[in-house]
């Protein structure tokens, strides 16, 4: 079980496109490897604020929930217009993911 009152050493974070201080964070440091935690956080904050944000916004899910979320996100992402290269968006073909 992941403790929401402790800070992890490593996380995955997705910065917000509209607020450079906000991000979506995923923790996958469960010692039993049974759950992950998703929460909203701020980029530049002290440890006490980070723990408070984690506790206030955490969504804990297991393998099935995370897989369902991943499939839903992929389906929505594939339906979005590709980013304009001039805007600095990610271009998968330029990262070795293209044909």
PDB file of N, CA and C in Angstrom:
ATOM      1  N   UNK A   1       0.837  -1.167   0.000  1.00  0.00           N
ATOM      2  CA  UNK A   1       0.000   0.000   0.000  1.00  0.00           C
ATOM      3  C   UNK A   1       0.896   1.248   0.000  1.00  0.00           C
ATOM      4  N   UNK A   2       0.512   2.242  -0.783  1.00  0.00           N
ATOM      5  CA  UNK A   2       1.261   3.489  -0.873  1.00  0.00           C
ATOM      6  C   UNK A   2       0.799   4.431   0.229  1.00  0.00           C
ATOM      7  N   UNK A   3       1.739   4.974   0.959  1.00  0.00           N
ATOM      8  CA  UNK A   3       1.425   5.943   2.010  1.00  0.00           C
ATOM      9  C   UNK A   3       1.289   7.330   1.393  1.00  0.00           C
ATOM     10  N   UNK A   4       0.125   7.944   1.579  1.00  0.00           N
ATOM     11  CA  UNK A   4      -0.096   9.279   1.035  1.00  0.00           C
ATOM     12  C   UNK A   4       0.550  10.374   1.873  1.00  0.00           C
ATOM     13  N   UNK A   5       1.065  10.027   3.040  1.00  0.00           N
ATOM     14  CA  UNK A   5       1.702  11.031   3.890  1.00  0.00           C
ATOM     15  C   UNK A   5       3.218  11.045   3.736  1.00  0.00           C
ATOM     16  N   UNK A   6       3.736  10.250   2.821  1.00  0.00           N
ATOM     17  CA  UNK A   6       5.165  10.237   2.523  1.00  0.00           C
ATOM     18  C   UNK A   6       5.373  10.616   1.065  1.00  0.00           C
ATOM     19  N   UNK A   7       6.495  11.219   0.788  1.00  0.00           N
ATOM     20  CA  UNK A   7       6.816  11.592  -0.584  1.00  0.00           C
ATOM     21  C   UNK A   7       7.679  10.519  -1.239  1.00  0.00           C
ATOM     22  N   UNK A   8       7.387  10.180  -2.486  1.00  0.00           N
ATOM     23  CA  UNK A   8       8.182   9.172  -3.191  1.00  0.00           C
ATOM     24  C   UNK A   8       9.490   9.768  -3.698  1.00  0.00           C
ATOM     25  N   UNK A   9      10.405   8.895  -4.043  1.00  0.00           N
ATOM     26  CA  UNK A   9      11.672   9.349  -4.636  1.00  0.00           C
ATOM     27  C   UNK A   9      11.500   9.655  -6.114  1.00  0.00           C
ATOM     28  N   UNK A  10      10.656   8.889  -6.799  1.00  0.00           N
ATOM     29  CA  UNK A  10      10.454   9.086  -8.225  1.00  0.00           C
ATOM     30  C   UNK A  10       8.964   9.066  -8.544  1.00  0.00           C
ATOM     31  N   UNK A  11       8.555   9.934  -9.470  1.00  0.00           N
ATOM     32  CA  UNK A  11       7.178   9.992  -9.936  1.00  0.00           C
ATOM     33  C   UNK A  11       7.185  10.263 -11.440  1.00  0.00           C
ATOM     34  N   UNK A  12       6.049   9.975 -12.070  1.00  0.00           N
ATOM     35  CA  UNK A  12       5.818  10.412 -13.442  1.00  0.00           C
ATOM     36  C   UNK A  12       4.936  11.636 -13.339  1.00  0.00           C
ATOM     37  N   UNK A  13       5.287  12.710 -14.014  1.00  0.00           N
ATOM     38  CA  UNK A  13       4.424  13.880 -13.973  1.00  0.00           C
ATOM     39  C   UNK A  13       4.180  14.389 -15.380  1.00  0.00           C
ATOM     40  N   UNK A  14       2.974  14.908 -15.555  1.00  0.00           N
ATOM     41  CA  UNK A  14       2.540  15.464 -16.828  1.00  0.00           C
ATOM     42  C   UNK A  14       2.227  16.932 -16.596  1.00  0.00           C
ATOM     43  N   UNK A  15       3.058  17.841 -17.117  1.00  0.00           N
ATOM     44  CA  UNK A  15       2.815  19.266 -16.911  1.00  0.00           C
ATOM     45  C   UNK A  15       1.538  19.716 -17.608  1.00  0.00           C
ATOM     46  N   UNK A  16       0.875  20.684 -17.024  1.00  0.00           N
ATOM     47  CA  UNK A  16      -0.342  21.263 -17.585  1.00  0.00           C
ATOM     48  C   UNK A  16       0.025  22.231 -18.707  1.00  0.00           C
ATOM     49  N   UNK A  17      -0.694  22.171 -19.821  1.00  0.00           N
ATOM     50  CA  UNK A  17      -0.432  23.073 -20.944  1.00  0.00           C
ATOM     51  C   UNK A  17      -0.890  24.501 -20.656  1.00  0.00           C
ATOM     52  N   UNK A  18      -1.829  24.685 -19.747  1.00  0.00           N
ATOM     53  CA  UNK A  18      -2.378  26.019 -19.503  1.00  0.00           C
ATOM     54  C   UNK A  18      -1.904  26.666 -18.216  1.00  0.00           C
ATOM     55  N   UNK A  19      -1.257  25.921 -17.354  1.00  0.00           N
ATOM     56  CA  UNK A  19      -0.749  26.459 -16.093  1.00  0.00           C
ATOM     57  C   UNK A  19       0.600  25.792 -15.844  1.00  0.00           C
ATOM     58  N   UNK A  20       1.678  26.531 -16.049  1.00  0.00           N
ATOM     59  CA  UNK A  20       3.011  25.933 -15.989  1.00  0.00           C
ATOM     60  C   UNK A  20       3.393  25.432 -14.599  1.00  0.00           C
ATOM     61  N   UNK A  21       2.642  25.817 -13.573  1.00  0.00           N
ATOM     62  CA  UNK A  21       2.938  25.349 -12.218  1.00  0.00           C
ATOM     63  C   UNK A  21       2.192  24.065 -11.845  1.00  0.00           C
ATOM     64  N   UNK A  22       1.160  23.707 -12.592  1.00  0.00           N
ATOM     65  CA  UNK A  22       0.322  22.561 -12.234  1.00  0.00           C
ATOM     66  C   UNK A  22       0.725  21.335 -13.030  1.00  0.00           C
ATOM     67  N   UNK A  23       0.577  20.156 -12.410  1.00  0.00           N
ATOM     68  CA  UNK A  23       0.881  18.910 -13.106  1.00  0.00           C
ATOM     69  C   UNK A  23       0.027  17.766 -12.551  1.00  0.00           C
ATOM     70  N   UNK A  24      -0.115  16.739 -13.366  1.00  0.00           N
ATOM     71  CA  UNK A  24      -0.741  15.488 -12.966  1.00  0.00           C
ATOM     72  C   UNK A  24       0.406  14.544 -12.621  1.00  0.00           C
ATOM     73  N   UNK A  25       0.320  13.914 -11.452  1.00  0.00           N
ATOM     74  CA  UNK A  25       1.411  13.061 -10.981  1.00  0.00           C
ATOM     75  C   UNK A  25       0.915  11.632 -10.814  1.00  0.00           C
ATOM     76  N   UNK A  26       1.759  10.666 -11.177  1.00  0.00           N
ATOM     77  CA  UNK A  26       1.467   9.264 -10.943  1.00  0.00           C
ATOM     78  C   UNK A  26       2.587   8.672 -10.105  1.00  0.00           C
ATOM     79  N   UNK A  27       2.198   8.029  -9.022  1.00  0.00           N
ATOM     80  CA  UNK A  27       3.140   7.284  -8.178  1.00  0.00           C
ATOM     81  C   UNK A  27       2.917   5.799  -8.407  1.00  0.00           C
ATOM     82  N   UNK A  28       3.988   5.073  -8.600  1.00  0.00           N
ATOM     83  CA  UNK A  28       3.906   3.623  -8.786  1.00  0.00           C
ATOM     84  C   UNK A  28       4.922   2.939  -7.885  1.00  0.00           C
ATOM     85  N   UNK A  29       5.027   3.421  -6.648  1.00  0.00           N
ATOM     86  CA  UNK A  29       6.052   2.916  -5.734  1.00  0.00           C
ATOM     87  C   UNK A  29       5.483   1.998  -4.654  1.00  0.00           C
ATOM     88  N   UNK A  30       4.379   1.326  -4.952  1.00  0.00           N
ATOM     89  CA  UNK A  30       3.785   0.387  -4.001  1.00  0.00           C
ATOM     90  C   UNK A  30       4.722  -0.810  -3.818  1.00  0.00           C
ATOM     91  N   UNK A  31       5.163  -1.072  -2.591  1.00  0.00           N
ATOM     92  CA  UNK A  31       6.067  -2.212  -2.374  1.00  0.00           C
ATOM     93  C   UNK A  31       5.416  -3.557  -2.719  1.00  0.00           C
ATOM     94  N   UNK A  32       4.083  -3.618  -2.646  1.00  0.00           N
ATOM     95  CA  UNK A  32       3.369  -4.854  -3.001  1.00  0.00           C
ATOM     96  C   UNK A  32       3.016  -4.910  -4.487  1.00  0.00           C
ATOM     97  N   UNK A  33       3.279  -3.811  -5.210  1.00  0.00           N
ATOM     98  CA  UNK A  33       3.013  -3.732  -6.649  1.00  0.00           C
ATOM     99  C   UNK A  33       1.545  -4.004  -6.989  1.00  0.00           C
ATOM    100  N   UNK A  34       0.622  -3.441  -6.180  1.00  0.00           N
ATOM    101  CA  UNK A  34      -0.812  -3.681  -6.372  1.00  0.00           C
ATOM    102  C   UNK A  34      -1.604  -2.425  -6.711  1.00  0.00           C
ATOM    103  N   UNK A  35      -1.011  -1.222  -6.524  1.00  0.00           N
ATOM    104  CA  UNK A  35      -1.787  -0.008  -6.755  1.00  0.00           C
ATOM    105  C   UNK A  35      -0.880   1.128  -7.225  1.00  0.00           C
ATOM    106  N   UNK A  36      -1.523   2.115  -7.821  1.00  0.00           N
ATOM    107  CA  UNK A  36      -0.861   3.363  -8.187  1.00  0.00           C
ATOM    108  C   UNK A  36      -1.707   4.510  -7.644  1.00  0.00           C
ATOM    109  N   UNK A  37      -1.079   5.667  -7.518  1.00  0.00           N
ATOM    110  CA  UNK A  37      -1.775   6.856  -7.045  1.00  0.00           C
ATOM    111  C   UNK A  37      -1.617   7.940  -8.097  1.00  0.00           C
ATOM    112  N   UNK A  38      -2.730   8.557  -8.469  1.00  0.00           N
ATOM    113  CA  UNK A  38      -2.735   9.712  -9.360  1.00  0.00           C
ATOM    114  C   UNK A  38      -3.190  10.909  -8.537  1.00  0.00           C
ATOM    115  N   UNK A  39      -2.543  12.061  -8.709  1.00  0.00           N
ATOM    116  CA  UNK A  39      -2.991  13.255  -8.000  1.00  0.00           C
ATOM    117  C   UNK A  39      -2.542  14.512  -8.733  1.00  0.00           C
ATOM    118  N   UNK A  40      -3.166  15.636  -8.386  1.00  0.00           N
ATOM    119  CA  UNK A  40      -2.839  16.932  -8.950  1.00  0.00           C
ATOM    120  C   UNK A  40      -1.865  17.616  -8.006  1.00  0.00           C
ATOM    121  N   UNK A  41      -0.824  18.219  -8.559  1.00  0.00           N
ATOM    122  CA  UNK A  41       0.173  18.875  -7.713  1.00  0.00           C
ATOM    123  C   UNK A  41       0.657  20.153  -8.369  1.00  0.00           C
ATOM    124  N   UNK A  42       1.521  20.842  -7.678  1.00  0.00           N
ATOM    125  CA  UNK A  42       2.166  22.051  -8.182  1.00  0.00           C
ATOM    126  C   UNK A  42       3.645  21.736  -8.365  1.00  0.00           C
ATOM    127  N   UNK A  43       4.269  22.389  -9.325  1.00  0.00           N
ATOM    128  CA  UNK A  43       5.662  22.091  -9.650  1.00  0.00           C
ATOM    129  C   UNK A  43       6.641  22.562  -8.567  1.00  0.00           C
ATOM    130  N   UNK A  44       6.473  23.752  -8.072  1.00  0.00           N
ATOM    131  CA  UNK A  44       7.426  24.324  -7.115  1.00  0.00           C
ATOM    132  C   UNK A  44       6.736  24.504  -5.768  1.00  0.00           C
ATOM    133  N   UNK A  45       6.912  23.535  -4.901  1.00  0.00           N
ATOM    134  CA  UNK A  45       6.275  23.589  -3.590  1.00  0.00           C
ATOM    135  C   UNK A  45       7.152  22.879  -2.576  1.00  0.00           C
ATOM    136  N   UNK A  46       6.949  23.204  -1.302  1.00  0.00           N
ATOM    137  CA  UNK A  46       7.738  22.514  -0.287  1.00  0.00           C
ATOM    138  C   UNK A  46       7.099  21.168   0.038  1.00  0.00           C
ATOM    139  N   UNK A  47       7.768  20.351   0.819  1.00  0.00           N
ATOM    140  CA  UNK A  47       7.333  18.981   1.099  1.00  0.00           C
ATOM    141  C   UNK A  47       5.977  18.934   1.789  1.00  0.00           C
ATOM    142  N   UNK A  48       5.724  19.842   2.740  1.00  0.00           N
ATOM    143  CA  UNK A  48       4.445  19.828   3.454  1.00  0.00           C
ATOM    144  C   UNK A  48       3.275  20.101   2.515  1.00  0.00           C
ATOM    145  N   UNK A  49       3.444  21.044   1.599  1.00  0.00           N
ATOM    146  CA  UNK A  49       2.390  21.357   0.630  1.00  0.00           C
ATOM    147  C   UNK A  49       2.205  20.187  -0.336  1.00  0.00           C
ATOM    148  N   UNK A  50       3.291  19.570  -0.751  1.00  0.00           N
ATOM    149  CA  UNK A  50       3.205  18.429  -1.663  1.00  0.00           C
ATOM    150  C   UNK A  50       2.413  17.283  -1.036  1.00  0.00           C
ATOM    151  N   UNK A  51       2.657  17.008   0.227  1.00  0.00           N
ATOM    152  CA  UNK A  51       1.915  15.944   0.917  1.00  0.00           C
ATOM    153  C   UNK A  51       0.442  16.324   1.036  1.00  0.00           C
ATOM    154  N   UNK A  52       0.162  17.566   1.379  1.00  0.00           N
ATOM    155  CA  UNK A  52      -1.230  18.009   1.511  1.00  0.00           C
ATOM    156  C   UNK A  52      -1.970  17.896   0.184  1.00  0.00           C
ATOM    157  N   UNK A  53      -1.347  18.308  -0.921  1.00  0.00           N
ATOM    158  CA  UNK A  53      -1.977  18.199  -2.247  1.00  0.00           C
ATOM    159  C   UNK A  53      -2.221  16.729  -2.599  1.00  0.00           C
ATOM    160  N   UNK A  54      -1.262  15.897  -2.260  1.00  0.00           N
ATOM    161  CA  UNK A  54      -1.392  14.468  -2.538  1.00  0.00           C
ATOM    162  C   UNK A  54      -2.582  13.876  -1.783  1.00  0.00           C
ATOM    163  N   UNK A  55      -2.681  14.193  -0.503  1.00  0.00           N
ATOM    164  CA  UNK A  55      -3.776  13.672   0.316  1.00  0.00           C
ATOM    165  C   UNK A  55      -5.121  14.203  -0.176  1.00  0.00           C
ATOM    166  N   UNK A  56      -5.178  15.483  -0.525  1.00  0.00           N
ATOM    167  CA  UNK A  56      -6.440  16.115  -0.929  1.00  0.00           C
ATOM    168  C   UNK A  56      -6.939  15.673  -2.298  1.00  0.00           C
ATOM    169  N   UNK A  57      -6.039  15.307  -3.213  1.00  0.00           N
ATOM    170  CA  UNK A  57      -6.471  15.043  -4.593  1.00  0.00           C
ATOM    171  C   UNK A  57      -6.196  13.623  -5.078  1.00  0.00           C
ATOM    172  N   UNK A  58      -5.710  12.745  -4.214  1.00  0.00           N
ATOM    173  CA  UNK A  58      -5.300  11.404  -4.648  1.00  0.00           C
ATOM    174  C   UNK A  58      -6.465  10.539  -5.117  1.00  0.00           C
ATOM    175  N   UNK A  59      -6.186   9.798  -6.175  1.00  0.00           N
ATOM    176  CA  UNK A  59      -7.070   8.733  -6.652  1.00  0.00           C
ATOM    177  C   UNK A  59      -6.198   7.483  -6.700  1.00  0.00           C
ATOM    178  N   UNK A  60      -6.557   6.498  -5.896  1.00  0.00           N
ATOM    179  CA  UNK A  60      -5.798   5.248  -5.839  1.00  0.00           C
ATOM    180  C   UNK A  60      -6.528   4.221  -6.689  1.00  0.00           C
ATOM    181  N   UNK A  61      -5.788   3.530  -7.544  1.00  0.00           N
ATOM    182  CA  UNK A  61      -6.416   2.523  -8.392  1.00  0.00           C
ATOM    183  C   UNK A  61      -5.478   1.329  -8.561  1.00  0.00           C
ATOM    184  N   UNK A  62      -6.053   0.235  -9.032  1.00  0.00           N
ATOM    185  CA  UNK A  62      -5.277  -0.987  -9.230  1.00  0.00           C
ATOM    186  C   UNK A  62      -4.985  -1.191 -10.720  1.00  0.00           C
ATOM    187  N   UNK A  63      -4.507  -2.358 -11.054  1.00  0.00           N
ATOM    188  CA  UNK A  63      -4.138  -2.670 -12.433  1.00  0.00           C
ATOM    189  C   UNK A  63      -5.311  -2.489 -13.397  1.00  0.00           C
ATOM    190  N   UNK A  64      -6.473  -2.997 -13.038  1.00  0.00           N
ATOM    191  CA  UNK A  64      -7.636  -2.889 -13.929  1.00  0.00           C
ATOM    192  C   UNK A  64      -8.044  -1.435 -14.151  1.00  0.00           C
ATOM    193  N   UNK A  65      -8.068  -0.650 -13.085  1.00  0.00           N
ATOM    194  CA  UNK A  65      -8.427   0.757 -13.213  1.00  0.00           C
ATOM    195  C   UNK A  65      -7.426   1.527 -14.047  1.00  0.00           C
ATOM    196  N   UNK A  66      -6.147   1.272 -13.823  1.00  0.00           N
ATOM    197  CA  UNK A  66      -5.111   1.971 -14.574  1.00  0.00           C
ATOM    198  C   UNK A  66      -5.140   1.571 -16.051  1.00  0.00           C
ATOM    199  N   UNK A  67      -5.360   0.290 -16.330  1.00  0.00           N
ATOM    200  CA  UNK A  67      -5.444  -0.157 -17.724  1.00  0.00           C
ATOM    201  C   UNK A  67      -6.654   0.468 -18.417  1.00  0.00           C
ATOM    202  N   UNK A  68      -7.777   0.548 -17.735  1.00  0.00           N
ATOM    203  CA  UNK A  68      -8.972   1.183 -18.308  1.00  0.00           C
ATOM    204  C   UNK A  68      -8.708   2.656 -18.599  1.00  0.00           C
ATOM    205  N   UNK A  69      -8.055   3.339 -17.658  1.00  0.00           N
ATOM    206  CA  UNK A  69      -7.720   4.745 -17.857  1.00  0.00           C
ATOM    207  C   UNK A  69      -6.772   4.905 -19.038  1.00  0.00           C
ATOM    208  N   UNK A  70      -5.775   4.051 -19.132  1.00  0.00           N
ATOM    209  CA  UNK A  70      -4.813   4.125 -20.235  1.00  0.00           C
ATOM    210  C   UNK A  70      -5.504   3.944 -21.580  1.00  0.00           C
ATOM    211  N   UNK A  71      -6.423   2.990 -21.673  1.00  0.00           N
ATOM    212  CA  UNK A  71      -7.159   2.769 -22.925  1.00  0.00           C
ATOM    213  C   UNK A  71      -8.025   3.974 -23.263  1.00  0.00           C
ATOM    214  N   UNK A  72      -8.695   4.534 -22.264  1.00  0.00           N
ATOM    215  CA  UNK A  72      -9.553   5.700 -22.503  1.00  0.00           C
ATOM    216  C   UNK A  72      -8.716   6.899 -22.942  1.00  0.00           C
ATOM    217  N   UNK A  73      -7.585   7.126 -22.288  1.00  0.00           N
ATOM    218  CA  UNK A  73      -6.720   8.240 -22.657  1.00  0.00           C
ATOM    219  C   UNK A  73      -6.186   8.064 -24.072  1.00  0.00           C
ATOM    220  N   UNK A  74      -5.785   6.850 -24.425  1.00  0.00           N
ATOM    221  CA  UNK A  74      -5.271   6.604 -25.775  1.00  0.00           C
ATOM    222  C   UNK A  74      -6.355   6.858 -26.819  1.00  0.00           C
ATOM    223  N   UNK A  75      -7.571   6.395 -26.561  1.00  0.00           N
ATOM    224  CA  UNK A  75      -8.658   6.598 -27.520  1.00  0.00           C
ATOM    225  C   UNK A  75      -8.940   8.090 -27.724  1.00  0.00           C
ATOM    226  N   UNK A  76      -8.987   8.840 -26.636  1.00  0.00           N
ATOM    227  CA  UNK A  76      -9.222  10.277 -26.744  1.00  0.00           C
ATOM    228  C   UNK A  76      -8.048  10.957 -27.437  1.00  0.00           C
ATOM    229  N   UNK A  77      -6.822  10.576 -27.071  1.00  0.00           N
ATOM    230  CA  UNK A  77      -5.634  11.186 -27.671  1.00  0.00           C
ATOM    231  C   UNK A  77      -5.593  10.976 -29.181  1.00  0.00           C
ATOM    232  N   UNK A  78      -5.951   9.797 -29.636  1.00  0.00           N
ATOM    233  CA  UNK A  78      -5.911   9.515 -31.065  1.00  0.00           C
ATOM    234  C   UNK A  78      -6.983  10.293 -31.824  1.00  0.00           C
ATOM    235  N   UNK A  79      -8.018  10.756 -31.121  1.00  0.00           N
ATOM    236  CA  UNK A  79      -9.065  11.550 -31.750  1.00  0.00           C
ATOM    237  C   UNK A  79      -8.764  13.039 -31.794  1.00  0.00           C
ATOM    238  N   UNK A  80      -7.717  13.474 -31.081  1.00  0.00           N
ATOM    239  CA  UNK A  80      -7.347  14.896 -31.095  1.00  0.00           C
ATOM    240  C   UNK A  80      -6.580  15.214 -32.368  1.00  0.00           C
ATOM    241  N   UNK A  81      -6.649  16.469 -32.775  1.00  0.00           N
ATOM    242  CA  UNK A  81      -5.857  16.902 -33.921  1.00  0.00           C
ATOM    243  C   UNK A  81      -4.382  16.800 -33.568  1.00  0.00           C
ATOM    244  N   UNK A  82      -3.554  16.395 -34.524  1.00  0.00           N
ATOM    245  CA  UNK A  82      -2.108  16.327 -34.249  1.00  0.00           C
ATOM    246  C   UNK A  82      -1.590  17.724 -33.896  1.00  0.00           C
ATOM    247  N   UNK A  83      -0.573  17.791 -33.038  1.00  0.00           N
ATOM    248  CA  UNK A  83      -0.012  19.098 -32.685  1.00  0.00           C
ATOM    249  C   UNK A  83       0.670  19.739 -33.881  1.00  0.00           C
ATOM    250  N   UNK A  84       0.617  21.040 -33.926  1.00  0.00           N
ATOM    251  CA  UNK A  84       1.294  21.803 -34.974  1.00  0.00           C
ATOM    252  C   UNK A  84       2.775  21.870 -34.617  1.00  0.00           C
ATOM    253  N   UNK A  85       3.627  21.414 -35.504  1.00  0.00           N
ATOM    254  CA  UNK A  85       5.072  21.390 -35.233  1.00  0.00           C
ATOM    255  C   UNK A  85       5.594  22.781 -34.878  1.00  0.00           C
ATOM    256  N   UNK A  86       4.994  23.815 -35.433  1.00  0.00           N
ATOM    257  CA  UNK A  86       5.443  25.180 -35.153  1.00  0.00           C
ATOM    258  C   UNK A  86       5.143  25.594 -33.722  1.00  0.00           C
ATOM    259  N   UNK A  87       4.203  24.913 -33.058  1.00  0.00           N
ATOM    260  CA  UNK A  87       3.837  25.242 -31.681  1.00  0.00           C
ATOM    261  C   UNK A  87       4.683  24.465 -30.681  1.00  0.00           C
ATOM    262  N   UNK A  88       5.607  23.657 -31.149  1.00  0.00           N
ATOM    263  CA  UNK A  88       6.476  22.914 -30.243  1.00  0.00           C
ATOM    264  C   UNK A  88       5.838  21.657 -29.679  1.00  0.00           C
ATOM    265  N   UNK A  89       4.752  21.165 -30.293  1.00  0.00           N
ATOM    266  CA  UNK A  89       4.103  19.952 -29.820  1.00  0.00           C
ATOM    267  C   UNK A  89       4.938  18.722 -30.110  1.00  0.00           C
ATOM    268  N   UNK A  90       4.658  17.659 -29.403  1.00  0.00           N
ATOM    269  CA  UNK A  90       5.373  16.402 -29.619  1.00  0.00           C
ATOM    270  C   UNK A  90       5.022  15.851 -30.988  1.00  0.00           C
ATOM    271  N   UNK A  91       5.997  15.371 -31.687  1.00  0.00           N
ATOM    272  CA  UNK A  91       5.792  14.784 -33.008  1.00  0.00           C
ATOM    273  C   UNK A  91       6.311  13.352 -32.938  1.00  0.00           C
ATOM    274  N   UNK A  92       5.410  12.352 -32.761  1.00  0.00           N
ATOM    275  CA  UNK A  92       5.866  10.967 -32.586  1.00  0.00           C
ATOM    276  C   UNK A  92       6.810  10.491 -33.681  1.00  0.00           C
ATOM    277  N   UNK A  93       6.578  10.909 -34.913  1.00  0.00           N
ATOM    278  CA  UNK A  93       7.434  10.470 -36.014  1.00  0.00           C
ATOM    279  C   UNK A  93       8.885  10.908 -35.807  1.00  0.00           C
ATOM    280  N   UNK A  94       9.095  11.989 -35.067  1.00  0.00           N
ATOM    281  CA  UNK A  94      10.436  12.505 -34.822  1.00  0.00           C
ATOM    282  C   UNK A  94      11.095  11.810 -33.627  1.00  0.00           C
ATOM    283  N   UNK A  95      10.335  10.972 -32.916  1.00  0.00           N
ATOM    284  CA  UNK A  95      10.874  10.291 -31.735  1.00  0.00           C
ATOM    285  C   UNK A  95      11.068   8.797 -31.966  1.00  0.00           C
ATOM    286  N   UNK A  96      11.102   8.364 -33.210  1.00  0.00           N
ATOM    287  CA  UNK A  96      11.333   6.977 -33.520  1.00  0.00           C
ATOM    288  C   UNK A  96      10.092   6.119 -33.465  1.00  0.00           C
ATOM    289  N   UNK A  97       8.900   6.744 -33.325  1.00  0.00           N
ATOM    290  CA  UNK A  97       7.669   5.974 -33.230  1.00  0.00           C
ATOM    291  C   UNK A  97       6.947   5.884 -34.578  1.00  0.00           C
ATOM    292  N   UNK A  98       7.439   6.560 -35.581  1.00  0.00           N
ATOM    293  CA  UNK A  98       6.786   6.575 -36.889  1.00  0.00           C
ATOM    294  C   UNK A  98       7.296   5.465 -37.780  1.00  0.00           C
ATOM    295  N   UNK A  99       6.699   5.357 -38.966  1.00  0.00           N
ATOM    296  CA  UNK A  99       7.129   4.328 -39.928  1.00  0.00           C
ATOM    297  C   UNK A  99       8.512   4.580 -40.464  1.00  0.00           C
TER     298      UNK A  99
END
